[in-house]
Amino acid sequence: MKILVVDASADVRGRVVRSLSELTGIVVQGAVADLRDATRAVEAIPLDGVVTGTSFPEGDVLHLLAAAQRRRVGAVVVFAAIDAAQRERYFAAGASHIVDGQLDDLTATILGVSHGQRPPDPFALIGRLTVGVAHDINNYLAAAEVALAFAERAAQADTKKDLQQVRTSFDGILRIARSLTSYARGGQPTSEPVEIEPLVRRVLETFGRMIPDGVRVIVEAGANVPTVQGVAAEIEQVVLNLVLNACDAMAWGGTLWLVIERGPAGHVRLEVADSGRGLPPEVLASEGAITPSSKQGKYGGGLGLGIVRSIVERHGGSIELGRASGGGTSVKVLLPT
């Protein structure tokens, strides 16, 4: 079993390597102190397992877990004492085991993994759960559709536009539910040419009431921007999550910019920038890793950036976080045409 050890502490790395090297059938392929080097190693070297401590920002650890998931590394062991909320986030991101800082427990865990004592596959459980949740969502939406139809029939002219936005939101929920069901059953949604500017304006119109009154929205679209190849419902999720994240940073007002233009050869660039408080340094340092923030606001638990990165990478694109010129946050997304 080939293992990579990752920890910022030279002492911890040394003790872990010595302990694992004494186990029969365990080969330590390397020990690194930097998570960037660890991510590159995971991408480049065939590995059966990764052991990482958490003397790093949480976003960096989650970024490493995501890389291990992409490379289908069988066992990813987090070796540190952490709280229950962190345990949940690390398991959700792909950790197979969490050992609470005891070296004997770590070696026992690695021995168990090497002898085939693998944990239950969480993705099979998630898949079954997803199908059930999507089915229930469809049932509730069917009932809501009937009520909406009666409301539209009796509505006055000045409320029909609001009801139409409700119907548009229902359609979006249905598309997401169908996508979830398709993924859970091993299918893939249909990719097609998508025009970004009309999609952005549609999202802003549908969710306009969620944008604070004091936020000014500016859309700048270049001429002859090509279509991108992708799933429209998922790209809508990208735009929506970036817009809501930006608005959350401007609770007292500000400016939201959405720029759509030709990017590097074969790509379209979408930039969402705000004049808000800016991202915390640990999130910027994580380069947009799948990381929940501390946000517990009205519309979600801070998972928006992780959803964006997941969708963008699935489309063969990339994401870049930075500071906007006004001191807020800039998120640049590249999507292939």
Protein backbone atom coordinates (compact mmCIF):
# COMPACT_ATOMS: atom_id res chain seq x y z
CA MET A 1 0.00 0.00 0.00
CA LYS A 2 1.55 3.28 -1.15
CA ILE A 3 1.00 6.26 1.16
CA LEU A 4 1.83 9.96 1.09
CA VAL A 5 2.27 11.75 4.46
CA VAL A 6 1.39 15.45 4.62
CA ASP A 7 1.93 17.66 7.67
CA ALA A 8 3.46 21.06 8.28
CA SER A 9 5.29 19.80 11.39
CA ALA A 10 8.61 18.07 10.73
CA ASP A 11 8.28 16.26 14.07
CA VAL A 12 4.83 14.89 13.22
CA ARG A 13 5.95 13.87 9.73
CA GLY A 14 8.95 12.04 11.18
CA ARG A 15 6.94 10.14 13.79
CA VAL A 16 4.22 9.16 11.32
CA VAL A 17 6.71 8.01 8.69
CA ARG A 18 8.67 5.92 11.22
CA SER A 19 5.50 4.27 12.54
CA LEU A 20 4.08 3.49 9.12
CA SER A 21 7.40 2.24 7.78
CA GLU A 22 7.38 -0.50 10.42
CA LEU A 23 4.11 -1.92 9.09
CA THR A 24 4.27 -4.85 6.69
CA GLY A 25 2.99 -4.01 3.23
CA ILE A 26 3.08 -0.24 3.75
CA VAL A 27 5.36 1.89 1.58
CA VAL A 28 5.67 5.60 2.37
CA GLN A 29 6.09 7.25 -1.02
CA GLY A 30 6.94 10.63 0.43
CA ALA A 31 6.43 13.13 3.24
CA VAL A 32 5.73 16.76 2.40
CA ALA A 33 5.12 19.89 4.44
CA ASP A 34 3.28 22.00 1.86
CA LEU A 35 -0.25 21.28 0.67
CA ARG A 36 0.48 22.61 -2.81
CA ASP A 37 3.28 20.07 -3.15
CA ALA A 38 0.95 17.42 -1.74
CA THR A 39 -1.76 18.22 -4.29
CA ARG A 40 0.78 18.01 -7.13
CA ALA A 41 2.05 14.68 -5.76
CA VAL A 42 -1.48 13.27 -5.55
CA GLU A 43 -2.10 14.27 -9.16
CA ALA A 44 1.22 12.82 -10.39
CA ILE A 45 1.91 9.66 -8.34
CA PRO A 46 -0.26 6.52 -8.12
CA LEU A 47 -1.24 6.34 -4.44
CA ASP A 48 -3.41 4.07 -2.32
CA GLY A 49 -3.65 6.45 0.62
CA VAL A 50 -2.89 9.90 2.01
CA VAL A 51 -2.35 10.74 5.69
CA THR A 52 -2.70 14.45 6.45
CA GLY A 53 -2.73 16.48 9.65
CA THR A 54 -4.77 19.64 10.02
CA SER A 55 -2.05 22.15 10.86
CA PHE A 56 -3.30 23.92 7.72
CA PRO A 57 -6.27 26.17 6.93
CA GLU A 58 -9.40 24.05 6.56
CA GLY A 59 -9.87 25.15 2.96
CA ASP A 60 -6.45 23.78 2.04
CA VAL A 61 -7.21 20.38 3.60
CA LEU A 62 -10.51 20.25 1.71
CA HIS A 63 -8.66 21.15 -1.50
CA LEU A 64 -6.32 18.18 -0.93
CA LEU A 65 -9.29 15.90 -0.24
CA ALA A 66 -10.89 17.02 -3.50
CA ALA A 67 -7.67 16.23 -5.41
CA ALA A 68 -7.56 12.76 -3.81
CA GLN A 69 -11.17 12.19 -4.84
CA ARG A 70 -10.38 13.13 -8.44
CA ARG A 71 -7.51 10.62 -8.48
CA ARG A 72 -9.64 7.97 -6.73
CA VAL A 73 -7.21 7.57 -3.84
CA GLY A 74 -8.75 4.77 -1.78
CA ALA A 75 -7.97 5.94 1.76
CA VAL A 76 -7.57 9.52 2.96
CA VAL A 77 -6.90 9.66 6.70
CA VAL A 78 -7.12 12.96 8.60
CA PHE A 79 -4.84 12.66 11.63
CA ALA A 80 -5.76 15.34 14.18
CA ALA A 81 -8.12 16.24 17.00
CA ILE A 82 -10.99 18.21 15.44
CA ASP A 83 -14.54 19.15 16.40
CA ALA A 84 -17.71 17.43 15.22
CA ALA A 85 -18.52 20.05 12.58
CA GLN A 86 -15.08 19.70 11.00
CA ARG A 87 -15.39 15.91 11.03
CA GLU A 88 -18.64 16.20 9.09
CA ARG A 89 -17.11 18.55 6.53
CA TYR A 90 -14.01 16.37 6.04
CA PHE A 91 -16.07 13.21 5.59
CA ALA A 92 -18.33 15.02 3.12
CA ALA A 93 -15.25 16.14 1.15
CA GLY A 94 -13.88 12.61 0.86
CA ALA A 95 -11.97 11.66 4.02
CA SER A 96 -12.27 7.91 4.57
CA HIS A 97 -11.11 7.93 8.23
CA ILE A 98 -10.47 10.51 10.95
CA VAL A 99 -8.06 9.65 13.75
CA ASP A 100 -8.06 11.90 16.81
CA GLY A 101 -4.34 12.54 17.10
CA GLN A 102 -3.14 9.20 18.56
CA LEU A 103 -0.31 7.53 16.66
CA ASP A 104 -1.33 4.01 17.73
CA ASP A 105 -4.84 4.63 16.42
CA LEU A 106 -3.40 5.87 13.14
CA THR A 107 -1.27 2.75 12.59
CA ALA A 108 -4.22 0.52 13.51
CA THR A 109 -6.40 2.36 11.01
CA ILE A 110 -3.82 2.04 8.22
CA LEU A 111 -3.39 -1.67 9.00
CA GLY A 112 -7.14 -2.15 8.80
CA VAL A 113 -7.33 -0.39 5.46
CA SER A 114 -4.39 -2.39 4.07
CA HIS A 115 -6.16 -5.63 5.02
CA GLY A 116 -9.31 -4.65 3.21
CA GLN A 117 -11.34 -3.26 6.11
CA ARG A 118 -12.77 -0.45 4.01
CA PRO A 119 -15.55 1.82 5.26
CA PRO A 120 -18.97 1.74 3.59
CA ASP A 121 -19.02 3.62 0.29
CA PRO A 122 -20.56 7.01 1.16
CA PHE A 123 -21.34 7.76 -2.48
CA ALA A 124 -23.65 4.77 -2.84
CA LEU A 125 -25.61 6.01 0.19
CA ILE A 126 -25.67 9.58 -1.14
CA GLY A 127 -26.91 8.30 -4.50
CA ARG A 128 -29.82 6.44 -2.94
CA LEU A 129 -30.65 9.42 -0.73
CA THR A 130 -30.53 11.79 -3.72
CA VAL A 131 -33.01 9.77 -5.75
CA GLY A 132 -35.44 9.75 -2.81
CA VAL A 133 -35.04 13.47 -2.15
CA ALA A 134 -35.55 14.34 -5.83
CA HIS A 135 -38.69 12.18 -5.89
CA ASP A 136 -40.12 13.98 -2.86
CA ILE A 137 -39.21 17.39 -4.32
CA ASN A 138 -41.16 16.52 -7.46
CA ASN A 139 -44.19 15.53 -5.36
CA TYR A 140 -44.20 18.83 -3.47
CA LEU A 141 -43.67 20.81 -6.67
CA ALA A 142 -46.59 19.04 -8.34
CA ALA A 143 -48.85 20.20 -5.51
CA ALA A 144 -47.41 23.71 -5.67
CA GLU A 145 -47.94 23.82 -9.46
CA VAL A 146 -51.66 23.18 -8.99
CA ALA A 147 -51.93 25.94 -6.39
CA LEU A 148 -49.95 28.30 -8.62
CA ALA A 149 -52.21 27.63 -11.59
CA PHE A 150 -55.28 28.63 -9.52
CA ALA A 151 -53.47 31.73 -8.24
CA GLU A 152 -52.52 32.79 -11.78
CA ARG A 153 -56.11 32.40 -12.91
CA ALA A 154 -57.41 34.72 -10.17
CA ALA A 155 -54.46 37.15 -10.10
CA GLN A 156 -54.65 40.79 -10.98
CA ALA A 157 -52.42 42.09 -13.75
CA ASP A 158 -49.93 43.69 -11.33
CA THR A 159 -49.23 40.37 -9.59
CA LYS A 160 -48.96 38.15 -12.67
CA LYS A 161 -45.30 39.07 -13.16
CA ASP A 162 -44.46 37.96 -9.61
CA LEU A 163 -46.29 34.69 -10.16
CA GLN A 164 -44.39 34.15 -13.39
CA GLN A 165 -41.14 34.48 -11.44
CA VAL A 166 -42.43 31.86 -9.01
CA ARG A 167 -43.09 29.53 -11.95
CA THR A 168 -39.60 30.20 -13.31
CA SER A 169 -38.12 29.30 -9.92
CA PHE A 170 -40.15 26.07 -9.88
CA ASP A 171 -38.73 25.20 -13.30
CA GLY A 172 -35.21 25.76 -11.96
CA ILE A 173 -35.84 23.46 -8.99
CA LEU A 174 -37.18 20.77 -11.33
CA ARG A 175 -34.06 20.99 -13.52
CA ILE A 176 -31.79 20.63 -10.49
CA ALA A 177 -33.82 17.67 -9.18
CA ARG A 178 -33.58 15.94 -12.55
CA SER A 179 -29.82 16.55 -12.65
CA LEU A 180 -29.40 15.09 -9.17
CA THR A 181 -31.38 12.01 -10.12
CA SER A 182 -29.35 11.59 -13.30
CA TYR A 183 -26.02 11.81 -11.46
CA ALA A 184 -27.18 9.44 -8.72
CA ARG A 185 -28.12 6.85 -11.33
CA GLY A 186 -24.81 7.18 -13.17
CA GLY A 187 -26.12 9.31 -16.03
CA GLN A 188 -24.84 12.60 -17.40
CA PRO A 189 -26.88 15.69 -18.29
CA THR A 190 -26.94 16.77 -21.92
CA SER A 191 -24.32 19.36 -22.88
CA GLU A 192 -25.32 22.01 -25.40
CA PRO A 193 -24.26 25.49 -26.62
CA VAL A 194 -25.17 28.09 -23.97
CA GLU A 195 -25.24 31.88 -24.43
CA ILE A 196 -23.89 33.43 -21.26
CA GLU A 197 -25.30 36.98 -21.45
CA PRO A 198 -29.00 36.00 -21.77
CA LEU A 199 -28.47 33.39 -19.04
CA VAL A 200 -26.96 36.00 -16.69
CA ARG A 201 -29.79 38.47 -17.31
CA ARG A 202 -32.37 35.72 -16.77
CA VAL A 203 -30.84 34.85 -13.39
CA LEU A 204 -30.78 38.50 -12.34
CA GLU A 205 -34.44 38.95 -13.31
CA THR A 206 -35.62 35.75 -11.62
CA PHE A 207 -33.74 36.37 -8.38
CA GLY A 208 -33.84 40.16 -8.43
CA ARG A 209 -35.82 40.40 -5.19
CA MET A 210 -32.97 38.63 -3.35
CA ILE A 211 -30.57 41.44 -4.27
CA PRO A 212 -30.55 44.12 -1.52
CA ASP A 213 -32.14 47.45 -2.46
CA GLY A 214 -28.88 49.31 -1.93
CA VAL A 215 -26.91 47.16 -4.41
CA ARG A 216 -26.45 48.58 -7.91
CA VAL A 217 -26.10 45.89 -10.60
CA ILE A 218 -23.98 46.52 -13.71
CA VAL A 219 -23.77 43.99 -16.56
CA GLU A 220 -21.04 44.53 -19.16
CA ALA A 221 -21.07 42.19 -22.13
CA GLY A 222 -18.51 42.22 -24.92
CA ALA A 223 -19.43 41.99 -28.58
CA ASN A 224 -19.56 38.64 -30.38
CA VAL A 225 -19.00 36.55 -27.26
CA PRO A 226 -19.19 32.89 -28.37
CA THR A 227 -21.42 30.31 -26.74
CA VAL A 228 -19.95 27.93 -24.18
CA GLN A 229 -20.49 24.18 -24.22
CA GLY A 230 -22.23 23.03 -21.09
CA VAL A 231 -25.36 22.37 -19.06
CA ALA A 232 -27.46 25.54 -18.83
CA ALA A 233 -29.03 24.64 -15.47
CA GLU A 234 -25.61 24.10 -13.89
CA ILE A 235 -24.15 27.31 -15.32
CA GLU A 236 -27.17 29.13 -13.88
CA GLN A 237 -26.17 27.69 -10.49
CA VAL A 238 -22.68 29.16 -10.95
CA VAL A 239 -24.05 32.62 -11.71
CA LEU A 240 -26.66 32.50 -8.93
CA ASN A 241 -24.21 31.39 -6.24
CA LEU A 242 -21.64 34.02 -7.18
CA VAL A 243 -24.30 36.75 -7.23
CA LEU A 244 -25.72 35.73 -3.84
CA ASN A 245 -22.24 35.47 -2.31
CA ALA A 246 -21.47 38.98 -3.58
CA CYS A 247 -24.76 40.35 -2.22
CA ASP A 248 -24.10 38.73 1.16
CA ALA A 249 -20.86 40.76 1.31
CA MET A 250 -22.79 43.99 0.58
CA ALA A 251 -25.62 43.86 3.11
CA TRP A 252 -25.48 47.67 3.43
CA GLY A 253 -25.25 48.36 -0.28
CA GLY A 254 -22.61 48.61 -2.95
CA THR A 255 -22.00 47.73 -6.59
CA LEU A 256 -22.20 44.32 -8.26
CA TRP A 257 -20.44 43.95 -11.60
CA LEU A 258 -20.93 41.06 -14.01
CA VAL A 259 -18.57 41.10 -16.97
CA ILE A 260 -18.93 38.69 -19.91
CA GLU A 261 -16.21 38.70 -22.55
CA ARG A 262 -13.98 36.59 -24.72
CA GLY A 263 -11.28 34.93 -22.65
CA PRO A 264 -8.11 33.14 -23.72
CA ALA A 265 -8.39 31.10 -26.92
CA GLY A 266 -11.38 28.81 -26.79
CA HIS A 267 -12.86 30.25 -23.59
CA VAL A 268 -15.42 32.77 -22.32
CA ARG A 269 -14.61 34.77 -19.19
CA LEU A 270 -17.33 35.55 -16.66
CA GLU A 271 -16.28 37.87 -13.84
CA VAL A 272 -18.47 38.61 -10.84
CA ALA A 273 -17.07 41.41 -8.67
CA ASP A 274 -18.42 43.35 -5.73
CA SER A 275 -17.49 46.32 -3.56
CA GLY A 276 -18.10 44.42 -0.32
CA ARG A 277 -15.89 43.36 2.56
CA GLY A 278 -13.76 40.91 0.57
CA LEU A 279 -13.03 37.23 1.15
CA PRO A 280 -11.17 36.09 4.28
CA PRO A 281 -7.46 35.37 3.66
CA GLU A 282 -7.91 31.64 4.30
CA VAL A 283 -10.54 31.36 1.56
CA LEU A 284 -8.40 33.33 -0.89
CA ALA A 285 -5.45 31.09 -0.02
CA SER A 286 -7.53 28.00 -0.77
CA GLU A 287 -7.95 29.13 -4.41
CA GLY A 288 -11.65 28.37 -4.31
CA ALA A 289 -11.39 24.90 -2.85
CA ILE A 290 -14.62 23.19 -1.89
CA THR A 291 -14.92 24.82 1.49
CA PRO A 292 -17.94 25.88 3.54
CA SER A 293 -17.63 29.37 4.96
CA SER A 294 -18.86 30.49 8.35
CA LYS A 295 -21.88 32.11 6.70
CA GLN A 296 -25.17 31.01 8.20
CA GLY A 297 -27.43 33.51 6.54
CA LYS A 298 -30.98 33.41 5.30
CA TYR A 299 -30.25 31.75 1.98
CA GLY A 300 -27.66 29.06 2.78
CA GLY A 301 -24.76 27.80 4.79
CA GLY A 302 -21.86 29.18 2.77
CA LEU A 303 -21.40 26.27 0.35
CA GLY A 304 -21.83 28.44 -2.76
CA LEU A 305 -18.16 28.68 -3.66
CA GLY A 306 -17.72 24.94 -3.41
CA ILE A 307 -20.70 24.36 -5.72
CA VAL A 308 -19.25 26.84 -8.21
CA ARG A 309 -15.82 25.18 -8.29
CA SER A 310 -17.34 21.72 -8.66
CA ILE A 311 -19.51 22.75 -11.63
CA VAL A 312 -16.78 24.78 -13.34
CA GLU A 313 -14.27 21.92 -13.10
CA ARG A 314 -16.88 19.46 -14.39
CA HIS A 315 -17.24 21.73 -17.45
CA GLY A 316 -13.47 21.75 -18.05
CA GLY A 317 -13.11 25.35 -16.88
CA SER A 318 -11.22 27.14 -14.13
CA ILE A 319 -11.90 29.63 -11.34
CA GLU A 320 -9.71 32.42 -9.96
CA LEU A 321 -10.35 34.37 -6.75
CA GLY A 322 -8.95 37.83 -6.15
CA ARG A 323 -9.53 41.33 -4.89
CA ALA A 324 -11.79 43.66 -6.86
CA SER A 325 -10.48 47.13 -7.67
CA GLY A 326 -12.84 48.66 -5.08
CA GLY A 327 -11.55 46.40 -2.31
CA GLY A 328 -14.21 43.71 -2.55
CA THR A 329 -14.05 40.28 -4.13
CA SER A 330 -13.53 39.31 -7.76
CA VAL A 331 -14.30 35.80 -9.01
CA LYS A 332 -13.25 35.03 -12.58
CA VAL A 333 -14.61 31.93 -14.27
CA LEU A 334 -13.30 30.55 -17.57
CA LEU A 335 -15.58 28.20 -19.49
CA PRO A 336 -14.66 26.46 -22.76
CA THR A 337 -16.55 27.44 -25.91
